[in-house]
mmCIF file of all heavy atoms, coordinates in Angstrom:
data_MODEL
# 
_entry.id   MODEL 
# 
loop_
_atom_site.group_PDB 
_atom_site.id 
_atom_site.type_symbol 
_atom_site.label_atom_id 
_atom_site.label_alt_id 
_atom_site.label_comp_id 
_atom_site.label_asym_id 
_atom_site.label_entity_id 
_atom_site.label_seq_id 
_atom_site.pdbx_PDB_ins_code 
_atom_site.Cartn_x 
_atom_site.Cartn_y 
_atom_site.Cartn_z 
_atom_site.occupancy 
_atom_site.B_iso_or_equiv 
_atom_site.pdbx_formal_charge 
_atom_site.auth_seq_id 
_atom_site.auth_comp_id 
_atom_site.auth_asym_id 
_atom_site.auth_atom_id 
_atom_site.pdbx_PDB_model_num 
ATOM 1   N N   . GLU A 1 1  ? 0.774  -1.153 0.023  1.00 0.00 ? 1  GLU A N   1 
ATOM 2   C CA  . GLU A 1 1  ? 0.014  0.016  0.058  1.00 0.00 ? 1  GLU A CA  1 
ATOM 3   C C   . GLU A 1 1  ? 0.874  1.284  -0.030 1.00 0.00 ? 1  GLU A C   1 
ATOM 4   O O   . GLU A 1 1  ? 2.037  1.123  0.400  1.00 0.00 ? 1  GLU A O   1 
ATOM 5   C CB  . GLU A 1 1  ? -0.996 0.035  1.156  1.00 0.00 ? 1  GLU A CB  1 
ATOM 6   C CG  . GLU A 1 1  ? -0.295 0.091  2.596  1.00 0.00 ? 1  GLU A CG  1 
ATOM 7   C CD  . GLU A 1 1  ? -1.274 -0.076 3.731  1.00 0.00 ? 1  GLU A CD  1 
ATOM 8   O OE1 . GLU A 1 1  ? -2.542 -0.226 3.475  1.00 0.00 ? 1  GLU A OE1 1 
ATOM 9   O OE2 . GLU A 1 1  ? -0.763 0.119  4.801  1.00 0.00 ? 1  GLU A OE2 1 
ATOM 10  N N   . ILE A 1 2  ? 0.256  2.410  -0.373 1.00 0.00 ? 2  ILE A N   1 
ATOM 11  C CA  . ILE A 1 2  ? 0.934  3.661  -0.421 1.00 0.00 ? 2  ILE A CA  1 
ATOM 12  C C   . ILE A 1 2  ? 0.309  4.435  0.735  1.00 0.00 ? 2  ILE A C   1 
ATOM 13  O O   . ILE A 1 2  ? -0.902 4.546  0.840  1.00 0.00 ? 2  ILE A O   1 
ATOM 14  C CB  . ILE A 1 2  ? 0.872  4.334  -1.700 1.00 0.00 ? 2  ILE A CB  1 
ATOM 15  C CG1 . ILE A 1 2  ? 1.187  3.499  -2.941 1.00 0.00 ? 2  ILE A CG1 1 
ATOM 16  C CG2 . ILE A 1 2  ? 1.476  5.713  -1.711 1.00 0.00 ? 2  ILE A CG2 1 
ATOM 17  C CD1 . ILE A 1 2  ? 2.650  3.057  -2.874 1.00 0.00 ? 2  ILE A CD1 1 
ATOM 18  N N   . VAL A 1 3  ? 1.201  5.029  1.539  1.00 0.00 ? 3  VAL A N   1 
ATOM 19  C CA  . VAL A 1 3  ? 0.725  5.889  2.637  1.00 0.00 ? 3  VAL A CA  1 
ATOM 20  C C   . VAL A 1 3  ? 1.284  7.284  2.347  1.00 0.00 ? 3  VAL A C   1 
ATOM 21  O O   . VAL A 1 3  ? 2.598  7.460  2.273  1.00 0.00 ? 3  VAL A O   1 
ATOM 22  C CB  . VAL A 1 3  ? 1.208  5.356  3.971  1.00 0.00 ? 3  VAL A CB  1 
ATOM 23  C CG1 . VAL A 1 3  ? 0.924  6.265  5.142  1.00 0.00 ? 3  VAL A CG1 1 
ATOM 24  C CG2 . VAL A 1 3  ? 0.835  3.932  4.212  1.00 0.00 ? 3  VAL A CG2 1 
ATOM 25  N N   . THR A 1 4  ? 0.444  8.269  2.204  1.00 0.00 ? 4  THR A N   1 
ATOM 26  C CA  . THR A 1 4  ? 0.788  9.660  1.953  1.00 0.00 ? 4  THR A CA  1 
ATOM 27  C C   . THR A 1 4  ? 0.537  10.412 3.270  1.00 0.00 ? 4  THR A C   1 
ATOM 28  O O   . THR A 1 4  ? -0.439 10.397 3.769  1.00 0.00 ? 4  THR A O   1 
ATOM 29  C CB  . THR A 1 4  ? 0.026  10.310 0.817  1.00 0.00 ? 4  THR A CB  1 
ATOM 30  O OG1 . THR A 1 4  ? 0.215  9.497  -0.330 1.00 0.00 ? 4  THR A OG1 1 
ATOM 31  C CG2 . THR A 1 4  ? 0.514  11.745 0.517  1.00 0.00 ? 4  THR A CG2 1 
ATOM 32  N N   . VAL A 1 5  ? 1.653  11.069 3.700  1.00 0.00 ? 5  VAL A N   1 
ATOM 33  C CA  . VAL A 1 5  ? 1.615  11.847 4.914  1.00 0.00 ? 5  VAL A CA  1 
ATOM 34  C C   . VAL A 1 5  ? 1.778  13.354 4.640  1.00 0.00 ? 5  VAL A C   1 
ATOM 35  O O   . VAL A 1 5  ? 2.695  13.694 3.932  1.00 0.00 ? 5  VAL A O   1 
ATOM 36  C CB  . VAL A 1 5  ? 2.675  11.409 5.969  1.00 0.00 ? 5  VAL A CB  1 
ATOM 37  C CG1 . VAL A 1 5  ? 2.589  12.250 7.245  1.00 0.00 ? 5  VAL A CG1 1 
ATOM 38  C CG2 . VAL A 1 5  ? 2.480  9.918  6.270  1.00 0.00 ? 5  VAL A CG2 1 
ATOM 39  N N   . LEU A 1 6  ? 0.777  14.233 5.008  1.00 0.00 ? 6  LEU A N   1 
ATOM 40  C CA  . LEU A 1 6  ? 1.008  15.638 4.911  1.00 0.00 ? 6  LEU A CA  1 
ATOM 41  C C   . LEU A 1 6  ? 0.926  16.242 6.240  1.00 0.00 ? 6  LEU A C   1 
ATOM 42  O O   . LEU A 1 6  ? 0.220  15.805 7.145  1.00 0.00 ? 6  LEU A O   1 
ATOM 43  C CB  . LEU A 1 6  ? -0.304 16.235 4.132  1.00 0.00 ? 6  LEU A CB  1 
ATOM 44  C CG  . LEU A 1 6  ? -0.187 15.795 2.624  1.00 0.00 ? 6  LEU A CG  1 
ATOM 45  C CD1 . LEU A 1 6  ? -1.295 14.748 2.353  1.00 0.00 ? 6  LEU A CD1 1 
ATOM 46  C CD2 . LEU A 1 6  ? -0.390 16.951 1.715  1.00 0.00 ? 6  LEU A CD2 1 
ATOM 47  N N   . THR A 1 7  ? 1.741  17.287 6.491  1.00 0.00 ? 7  THR A N   1 
ATOM 48  C CA  . THR A 1 7  ? 1.782  17.922 7.771  1.00 0.00 ? 7  THR A CA  1 
ATOM 49  C C   . THR A 1 7  ? 1.888  19.439 7.621  1.00 0.00 ? 7  THR A C   1 
ATOM 50  O O   . THR A 1 7  ? 2.367  19.941 6.681  1.00 0.00 ? 7  THR A O   1 
ATOM 51  C CB  . THR A 1 7  ? 3.055  17.533 8.534  1.00 0.00 ? 7  THR A CB  1 
ATOM 52  O OG1 . THR A 1 7  ? 4.194  17.853 7.779  1.00 0.00 ? 7  THR A OG1 1 
ATOM 53  C CG2 . THR A 1 7  ? 3.052  16.062 8.868  1.00 0.00 ? 7  THR A CG2 1 
ATOM 54  N N   . THR A 1 8  ? 1.309  20.205 8.598  1.00 0.00 ? 8  THR A N   1 
ATOM 55  C CA  . THR A 1 8  ? 1.484  21.693 8.638  1.00 0.00 ? 8  THR A CA  1 
ATOM 56  C C   . THR A 1 8  ? 1.366  22.018 10.120 1.00 0.00 ? 8  THR A C   1 
ATOM 57  O O   . THR A 1 8  ? 0.877  21.158 10.999 1.00 0.00 ? 8  THR A O   1 
ATOM 58  C CB  . THR A 1 8  ? 0.391  22.383 7.860  1.00 0.00 ? 8  THR A CB  1 
ATOM 59  O OG1 . THR A 1 8  ? 0.782  23.804 7.767  1.00 0.00 ? 8  THR A OG1 1 
ATOM 60  C CG2 . THR A 1 8  ? -1.037 22.299 8.430  1.00 0.00 ? 8  THR A CG2 1 
ATOM 61  N N   . GLN A 1 9  ? 1.869  23.157 10.543 1.00 0.00 ? 9  GLN A N   1 
ATOM 62  C CA  . GLN A 1 9  ? 1.760  23.513 11.903 1.00 0.00 ? 9  GLN A CA  1 
ATOM 63  C C   . GLN A 1 9  ? 0.632  24.533 12.102 1.00 0.00 ? 9  GLN A C   1 
ATOM 64  O O   . GLN A 1 9  ? 0.340  25.350 11.353 1.00 0.00 ? 9  GLN A O   1 
ATOM 65  C CB  . GLN A 1 9  ? 3.111  24.168 12.409 1.00 0.00 ? 9  GLN A CB  1 
ATOM 66  C CG  . GLN A 1 9  ? 4.095  23.092 12.704 1.00 0.00 ? 9  GLN A CG  1 
ATOM 67  C CD  . GLN A 1 9  ? 5.384  23.603 13.334 1.00 0.00 ? 9  GLN A CD  1 
ATOM 68  O OE1 . GLN A 1 9  ? 6.027  24.467 12.834 1.00 0.00 ? 9  GLN A OE1 1 
ATOM 69  N NE2 . GLN A 1 9  ? 5.664  22.982 14.517 1.00 0.00 ? 9  GLN A NE2 1 
ATOM 70  N N   . LEU A 1 10 ? -0.060 24.340 13.302 1.00 0.00 ? 10 LEU A N   1 
ATOM 71  C CA  . LEU A 1 10 ? -1.121 25.146 13.773 1.00 0.00 ? 10 LEU A CA  1 
ATOM 72  C C   . LEU A 1 10 ? -0.511 26.359 14.406 1.00 0.00 ? 10 LEU A C   1 
ATOM 73  O O   . LEU A 1 10 ? 0.743  26.372 14.733 1.00 0.00 ? 10 LEU A O   1 
ATOM 74  C CB  . LEU A 1 10 ? -2.058 24.399 14.652 1.00 0.00 ? 10 LEU A CB  1 
ATOM 75  C CG  . LEU A 1 10 ? -2.702 23.131 13.994 1.00 0.00 ? 10 LEU A CG  1 
ATOM 76  C CD1 . LEU A 1 10 ? -3.453 22.397 14.982 1.00 0.00 ? 10 LEU A CD1 1 
ATOM 77  C CD2 . LEU A 1 10 ? -3.565 23.599 12.836 1.00 0.00 ? 10 LEU A CD2 1 
ATOM 78  N N   . ARG A 1 11 ? -1.311 27.366 14.620 1.00 0.00 ? 11 ARG A N   1 
ATOM 79  C CA  . ARG A 1 11 ? -0.741 28.516 15.286 1.00 0.00 ? 11 ARG A CA  1 
ATOM 80  C C   . ARG A 1 11 ? -0.212 28.293 16.676 1.00 0.00 ? 11 ARG A C   1 
ATOM 81  O O   . ARG A 1 11 ? 0.703  29.003 17.083 1.00 0.00 ? 11 ARG A O   1 
ATOM 82  C CB  . ARG A 1 11 ? -1.913 29.619 15.325 1.00 0.00 ? 11 ARG A CB  1 
ATOM 83  C CG  . ARG A 1 11 ? -2.241 30.211 14.002 1.00 0.00 ? 11 ARG A CG  1 
ATOM 84  C CD  . ARG A 1 11 ? -3.314 31.354 14.049 1.00 0.00 ? 11 ARG A CD  1 
ATOM 85  N NE  . ARG A 1 11 ? -3.482 31.837 12.691 1.00 0.00 ? 11 ARG A NE  1 
ATOM 86  C CZ  . ARG A 1 11 ? -4.419 31.415 11.912 1.00 0.00 ? 11 ARG A CZ  1 
ATOM 87  N NH1 . ARG A 1 11 ? -5.182 30.476 12.278 1.00 0.00 ? 11 ARG A NH1 1 
ATOM 88  N NH2 . ARG A 1 11 ? -4.491 31.971 10.674 1.00 0.00 ? 11 ARG A NH2 1 
ATOM 89  N N   . ASP A 1 12 ? -0.741 27.295 17.408 1.00 0.00 ? 12 ASP A N   1 
ATOM 90  C CA  . ASP A 1 12 ? -0.292 27.075 18.754 1.00 0.00 ? 12 ASP A CA  1 
ATOM 91  C C   . ASP A 1 12 ? 1.045  26.192 18.702 1.00 0.00 ? 12 ASP A C   1 
ATOM 92  O O   . ASP A 1 12 ? 1.522  25.789 19.729 1.00 0.00 ? 12 ASP A O   1 
ATOM 93  C CB  . ASP A 1 12 ? -1.242 26.369 19.638 1.00 0.00 ? 12 ASP A CB  1 
ATOM 94  C CG  . ASP A 1 12 ? -1.674 25.078 19.181 1.00 0.00 ? 12 ASP A CG  1 
ATOM 95  O OD1 . ASP A 1 12 ? -1.166 24.510 18.130 1.00 0.00 ? 12 ASP A OD1 1 
ATOM 96  O OD2 . ASP A 1 12 ? -2.654 24.452 19.728 1.00 0.00 ? 12 ASP A OD2 1 
ATOM 97  N N   . GLY A 1 13 ? 1.507  25.818 17.550 1.00 0.00 ? 13 GLY A N   1 
ATOM 98  C CA  . GLY A 1 13 ? 2.828  25.073 17.312 1.00 0.00 ? 13 GLY A CA  1 
ATOM 99  C C   . GLY A 1 13 ? 2.560  23.549 17.158 1.00 0.00 ? 13 GLY A C   1 
ATOM 100 O O   . GLY A 1 13 ? 3.406  22.876 16.807 1.00 0.00 ? 13 GLY A O   1 
ATOM 101 N N   . GLU A 1 14 ? 1.246  23.092 17.405 1.00 0.00 ? 14 GLU A N   1 
ATOM 102 C CA  . GLU A 1 14 ? 0.949  21.653 17.300 1.00 0.00 ? 14 GLU A CA  1 
ATOM 103 C C   . GLU A 1 14 ? 1.117  21.272 15.798 1.00 0.00 ? 14 GLU A C   1 
ATOM 104 O O   . GLU A 1 14 ? 0.852  22.179 14.873 1.00 0.00 ? 14 GLU A O   1 
ATOM 105 C CB  . GLU A 1 14 ? -0.355 21.313 17.855 1.00 0.00 ? 14 GLU A CB  1 
ATOM 106 C CG  . GLU A 1 14 ? -0.333 21.411 19.370 1.00 0.00 ? 14 GLU A CG  1 
ATOM 107 C CD  . GLU A 1 14 ? -1.615 20.810 19.984 1.00 0.00 ? 14 GLU A CD  1 
ATOM 108 O OE1 . GLU A 1 14 ? -2.728 21.103 19.460 1.00 0.00 ? 14 GLU A OE1 1 
ATOM 109 O OE2 . GLU A 1 14 ? -1.529 19.996 20.915 1.00 0.00 ? 14 GLU A OE2 1 
ATOM 110 N N   . LEU A 1 15 ? 1.327  19.999 15.432 1.00 0.00 ? 15 LEU A N   1 
ATOM 111 C CA  . LEU A 1 15 ? 1.404  19.491 14.158 1.00 0.00 ? 15 LEU A CA  1 
ATOM 112 C C   . LEU A 1 15 ? 0.108  18.925 13.720 1.00 0.00 ? 15 LEU A C   1 
ATOM 113 O O   . LEU A 1 15 ? -0.485 18.004 14.347 1.00 0.00 ? 15 LEU A O   1 
ATOM 114 C CB  . LEU A 1 15 ? 2.488  18.542 14.057 1.00 0.00 ? 15 LEU A CB  1 
ATOM 115 C CG  . LEU A 1 15 ? 2.943  18.099 12.736 1.00 0.00 ? 15 LEU A CG  1 
ATOM 116 C CD1 . LEU A 1 15 ? 3.813  19.219 11.997 1.00 0.00 ? 15 LEU A CD1 1 
ATOM 117 C CD2 . LEU A 1 15 ? 3.781  16.794 12.690 1.00 0.00 ? 15 LEU A CD2 1 
ATOM 118 N N   . LEU A 1 16 ? -0.526 19.549 12.575 1.00 0.00 ? 16 LEU A N   1 
ATOM 119 C CA  . LEU A 1 16 ? -1.695 18.825 12.016 1.00 0.00 ? 16 LEU A CA  1 
ATOM 120 C C   . LEU A 1 16 ? -1.190 17.852 11.026 1.00 0.00 ? 16 LEU A C   1 
ATOM 121 O O   . LEU A 1 16 ? -0.331 18.281 10.157 1.00 0.00 ? 16 LEU A O   1 
ATOM 122 C CB  . LEU A 1 16 ? -2.587 19.895 11.365 1.00 0.00 ? 16 LEU A CB  1 
ATOM 123 C CG  . LEU A 1 16 ? -3.862 19.212 10.669 1.00 0.00 ? 16 LEU A CG  1 
ATOM 124 C CD1 . LEU A 1 16 ? -5.057 19.565 11.540 1.00 0.00 ? 16 LEU A CD1 1 
ATOM 125 C CD2 . LEU A 1 16 ? -3.924 19.524 9.308  1.00 0.00 ? 16 LEU A CD2 1 
ATOM 126 N N   . TYR A 1 17 ? -1.721 16.658 10.980 1.00 0.00 ? 17 TYR A N   1 
ATOM 127 C CA  . TYR A 1 17 ? -1.247 15.695 10.018 1.00 0.00 ? 17 TYR A CA  1 
ATOM 128 C C   . TYR A 1 17 ? -2.483 15.101 9.299  1.00 0.00 ? 17 TYR A C   1 
ATOM 129 O O   . TYR A 1 17 ? -3.634 14.980 9.760  1.00 0.00 ? 17 TYR A O   1 
ATOM 130 C CB  . TYR A 1 17 ? -0.430 14.632 10.612 1.00 0.00 ? 17 TYR A CB  1 
ATOM 131 C CG  . TYR A 1 17 ? -1.136 13.817 11.702 1.00 0.00 ? 17 TYR A CG  1 
ATOM 132 C CD1 . TYR A 1 17 ? -1.925 12.685 11.446 1.00 0.00 ? 17 TYR A CD1 1 
ATOM 133 C CD2 . TYR A 1 17 ? -0.873 14.076 13.073 1.00 0.00 ? 17 TYR A CD2 1 
ATOM 134 C CE1 . TYR A 1 17 ? -2.581 12.027 12.432 1.00 0.00 ? 17 TYR A CE1 1 
ATOM 135 C CE2 . TYR A 1 17 ? -1.606 13.430 14.027 1.00 0.00 ? 17 TYR A CE2 1 
ATOM 136 C CZ  . TYR A 1 17 ? -2.324 12.411 13.709 1.00 0.00 ? 17 TYR A CZ  1 
ATOM 137 O OH  . TYR A 1 17 ? -3.054 11.624 14.727 1.00 0.00 ? 17 TYR A OH  1 
ATOM 138 N N   . LEU A 1 18 ? -2.275 14.685 8.096  1.00 0.00 ? 18 LEU A N   1 
ATOM 139 C CA  . LEU A 1 18 ? -3.243 14.015 7.155  1.00 0.00 ? 18 LEU A CA  1 
ATOM 140 C C   . LEU A 1 18 ? -2.503 12.771 6.705  1.00 0.00 ? 18 LEU A C   1 
ATOM 141 O O   . LEU A 1 18 ? -1.431 12.960 6.058  1.00 0.00 ? 18 LEU A O   1 
ATOM 142 C CB  . LEU A 1 18 ? -3.784 14.853 6.141  1.00 0.00 ? 18 LEU A CB  1 
ATOM 143 C CG  . LEU A 1 18 ? -4.837 14.328 5.304  1.00 0.00 ? 18 LEU A CG  1 
ATOM 144 C CD1 . LEU A 1 18 ? -5.861 15.358 4.930  1.00 0.00 ? 18 LEU A CD1 1 
ATOM 145 C CD2 . LEU A 1 18 ? -4.334 13.637 4.062  1.00 0.00 ? 18 LEU A CD2 1 
ATOM 146 N N   . ILE A 1 19 ? -3.033 11.568 6.986  1.00 0.00 ? 19 ILE A N   1 
ATOM 147 C CA  . ILE A 1 19 ? -2.427 10.312 6.428  1.00 0.00 ? 19 ILE A CA  1 
ATOM 148 C C   . ILE A 1 19 ? -3.515 9.641  5.438  1.00 0.00 ? 19 ILE A C   1 
ATOM 149 O O   . ILE A 1 19 ? -4.572 9.373  5.934  1.00 0.00 ? 19 ILE A O   1 
ATOM 150 C CB  . ILE A 1 19 ? -2.108 9.313  7.578  1.00 0.00 ? 19 ILE A CB  1 
ATOM 151 C CG1 . ILE A 1 19 ? -1.115 10.044 8.548  1.00 0.00 ? 19 ILE A CG1 1 
ATOM 152 C CG2 . ILE A 1 19 ? -1.460 8.101  6.984  1.00 0.00 ? 19 ILE A CG2 1 
ATOM 153 C CD1 . ILE A 1 19 ? -0.926 9.332  9.835  1.00 0.00 ? 19 ILE A CD1 1 
ATOM 154 N N   . ALA A 1 20 ? -3.089 9.566  4.251  1.00 0.00 ? 20 ALA A N   1 
ATOM 155 C CA  . ALA A 1 20 ? -3.960 8.874  3.261  1.00 0.00 ? 20 ALA A CA  1 
ATOM 156 C C   . ALA A 1 20 ? -3.429 7.485  2.952  1.00 0.00 ? 20 ALA A C   1 
ATOM 157 O O   . ALA A 1 20 ? -2.217 7.387  2.652  1.00 0.00 ? 20 ALA A O   1 
ATOM 158 C CB  . ALA A 1 20 ? -4.127 9.717  2.066  1.00 0.00 ? 20 ALA A CB  1 
ATOM 159 N N   . VAL A 1 21 ? -4.251 6.435  2.962  1.00 0.00 ? 21 VAL A N   1 
ATOM 160 C CA  . VAL A 1 21 ? -3.778 5.133  2.802  1.00 0.00 ? 21 VAL A CA  1 
ATOM 161 C C   . VAL A 1 21 ? -4.667 4.407  1.743  1.00 0.00 ? 21 VAL A C   1 
ATOM 162 O O   . VAL A 1 21 ? -5.876 4.614  1.651  1.00 0.00 ? 21 VAL A O   1 
ATOM 163 C CB  . VAL A 1 21 ? -3.977 4.243  4.047  1.00 0.00 ? 21 VAL A CB  1 
ATOM 164 C CG1 . VAL A 1 21 ? -3.633 2.801  3.828  1.00 0.00 ? 21 VAL A CG1 1 
ATOM 165 C CG2 . VAL A 1 21 ? -3.297 4.848  5.235  1.00 0.00 ? 21 VAL A CG2 1 
ATOM 166 N N   . ALA A 1 22 ? -4.038 3.818  0.726  1.00 0.00 ? 22 ALA A N   1 
ATOM 167 C CA  . ALA A 1 22 ? -4.621 3.074  -0.352 1.00 0.00 ? 22 ALA A CA  1 
ATOM 168 C C   . ALA A 1 22 ? -3.771 1.952  -0.765 1.00 0.00 ? 22 ALA A C   1 
ATOM 169 O O   . ALA A 1 22 ? -2.477 2.034  -0.852 1.00 0.00 ? 22 ALA A O   1 
ATOM 170 C CB  . ALA A 1 22 ? -5.005 3.996  -1.542 1.00 0.00 ? 22 ALA A CB  1 
ATOM 171 N N   . PRO A 1 23 ? -4.282 0.777  -1.292 1.00 0.00 ? 23 PRO A N   1 
ATOM 172 C CA  . PRO A 1 23 ? -3.497 -0.254 -1.854 1.00 0.00 ? 23 PRO A CA  1 
ATOM 173 C C   . PRO A 1 23 ? -2.711 0.319  -3.073 1.00 0.00 ? 23 PRO A C   1 
ATOM 174 O O   . PRO A 1 23 ? -3.270 1.178  -3.843 1.00 0.00 ? 23 PRO A O   1 
ATOM 175 C CB  . PRO A 1 23 ? -4.614 -1.266 -2.343 1.00 0.00 ? 23 PRO A CB  1 
ATOM 176 C CG  . PRO A 1 23 ? -5.754 -1.010 -1.541 1.00 0.00 ? 23 PRO A CG  1 
ATOM 177 C CD  . PRO A 1 23 ? -5.772 0.502  -1.240 1.00 0.00 ? 23 PRO A CD  1 
ATOM 178 N N   . ALA A 1 24 ? -1.421 -0.162 -3.247 1.00 0.00 ? 24 ALA A N   1 
ATOM 179 C CA  . ALA A 1 24 ? -0.596 0.397  -4.267 1.00 0.00 ? 24 ALA A CA  1 
ATOM 180 C C   . ALA A 1 24 ? -1.226 0.274  -5.654 1.00 0.00 ? 24 ALA A C   1 
ATOM 181 O O   . ALA A 1 24 ? -1.205 1.153  -6.489 1.00 0.00 ? 24 ALA A O   1 
ATOM 182 C CB  . ALA A 1 24 ? 0.732  -0.305 -4.196 1.00 0.00 ? 24 ALA A CB  1 
ATOM 183 N N   . ASN A 1 25 ? -1.982 -0.864 -5.852 1.00 0.00 ? 25 ASN A N   1 
ATOM 184 C CA  . ASN A 1 25 ? -2.509 -1.051 -7.154 1.00 0.00 ? 25 ASN A CA  1 
ATOM 185 C C   . ASN A 1 25 ? -3.826 -0.311 -7.442 1.00 0.00 ? 25 ASN A C   1 
ATOM 186 O O   . ASN A 1 25 ? -4.414 -0.366 -8.538 1.00 0.00 ? 25 ASN A O   1 
ATOM 187 C CB  . ASN A 1 25 ? -2.826 -2.556 -7.470 1.00 0.00 ? 25 ASN A CB  1 
ATOM 188 C CG  . ASN A 1 25 ? -3.796 -3.223 -6.539 1.00 0.00 ? 25 ASN A CG  1 
ATOM 189 O OD1 . ASN A 1 25 ? -4.058 -2.655 -5.457 1.00 0.00 ? 25 ASN A OD1 1 
ATOM 190 N ND2 . ASN A 1 25 ? -4.274 -4.319 -6.887 1.00 0.00 ? 25 ASN A ND2 1 
ATOM 191 N N   . GLU A 1 26 ? -4.310 0.341  -6.396 1.00 0.00 ? 26 GLU A N   1 
ATOM 192 C CA  . GLU A 1 26 ? -5.516 1.184  -6.545 1.00 0.00 ? 26 GLU A CA  1 
ATOM 193 C C   . GLU A 1 26 ? -5.295 2.667  -6.225 1.00 0.00 ? 26 GLU A C   1 
ATOM 194 O O   . GLU A 1 26 ? -6.287 3.466  -6.278 1.00 0.00 ? 26 GLU A O   1 
ATOM 195 C CB  . GLU A 1 26 ? -6.608 0.732  -5.524 1.00 0.00 ? 26 GLU A CB  1 
ATOM 196 C CG  . GLU A 1 26 ? -7.145 -0.676 -5.794 1.00 0.00 ? 26 GLU A CG  1 
ATOM 197 C CD  . GLU A 1 26 ? -8.128 -1.157 -4.750 1.00 0.00 ? 26 GLU A CD  1 
ATOM 198 O OE1 . GLU A 1 26 ? -8.898 -0.327 -4.300 1.00 0.00 ? 26 GLU A OE1 1 
ATOM 199 O OE2 . GLU A 1 26 ? -8.098 -2.356 -4.480 1.00 0.00 ? 26 GLU A OE2 1 
ATOM 200 N N   . LEU A 1 27 ? -4.006 2.990  -6.138 1.00 0.00 ? 27 LEU A N   1 
ATOM 201 C CA  . LEU A 1 27 ? -3.727 4.430  -5.833 1.00 0.00 ? 27 LEU A CA  1 
ATOM 202 C C   . LEU A 1 27 ? -4.256 5.476  -6.886 1.00 0.00 ? 27 LEU A C   1 
ATOM 203 O O   . LEU A 1 27 ? -4.789 6.460  -6.523 1.00 0.00 ? 27 LEU A O   1 
ATOM 204 C CB  . LEU A 1 27 ? -2.175 4.676  -5.691 1.00 0.00 ? 27 LEU A CB  1 
ATOM 205 C CG  . LEU A 1 27 ? -1.742 6.096  -5.241 1.00 0.00 ? 27 LEU A CG  1 
ATOM 206 C CD1 . LEU A 1 27 ? -2.347 6.374  -3.870 1.00 0.00 ? 27 LEU A CD1 1 
ATOM 207 C CD2 . LEU A 1 27 ? -0.215 6.053  -5.240 1.00 0.00 ? 27 LEU A CD2 1 
ATOM 208 N N   . GLY A 1 28 ? -4.115 5.004  -8.128 1.00 0.00 ? 28 GLY A N   1 
ATOM 209 C CA  . GLY A 1 28 ? -4.499 5.943  -9.182 1.00 0.00 ? 28 GLY A CA  1 
ATOM 210 C C   . GLY A 1 28 ? -6.088 6.289  -8.963 1.00 0.00 ? 28 GLY A C   1 
ATOM 211 O O   . GLY A 1 28 ? -6.403 7.421  -9.263 1.00 0.00 ? 28 GLY A O   1 
# 
């Protein structure tokens, strides 16, 4: 599977993350 991780920092310094998961053969 492919795991895509995105991050940004919030104003208070905490880290907001988004993790997207899909089987490698279905990523498209």
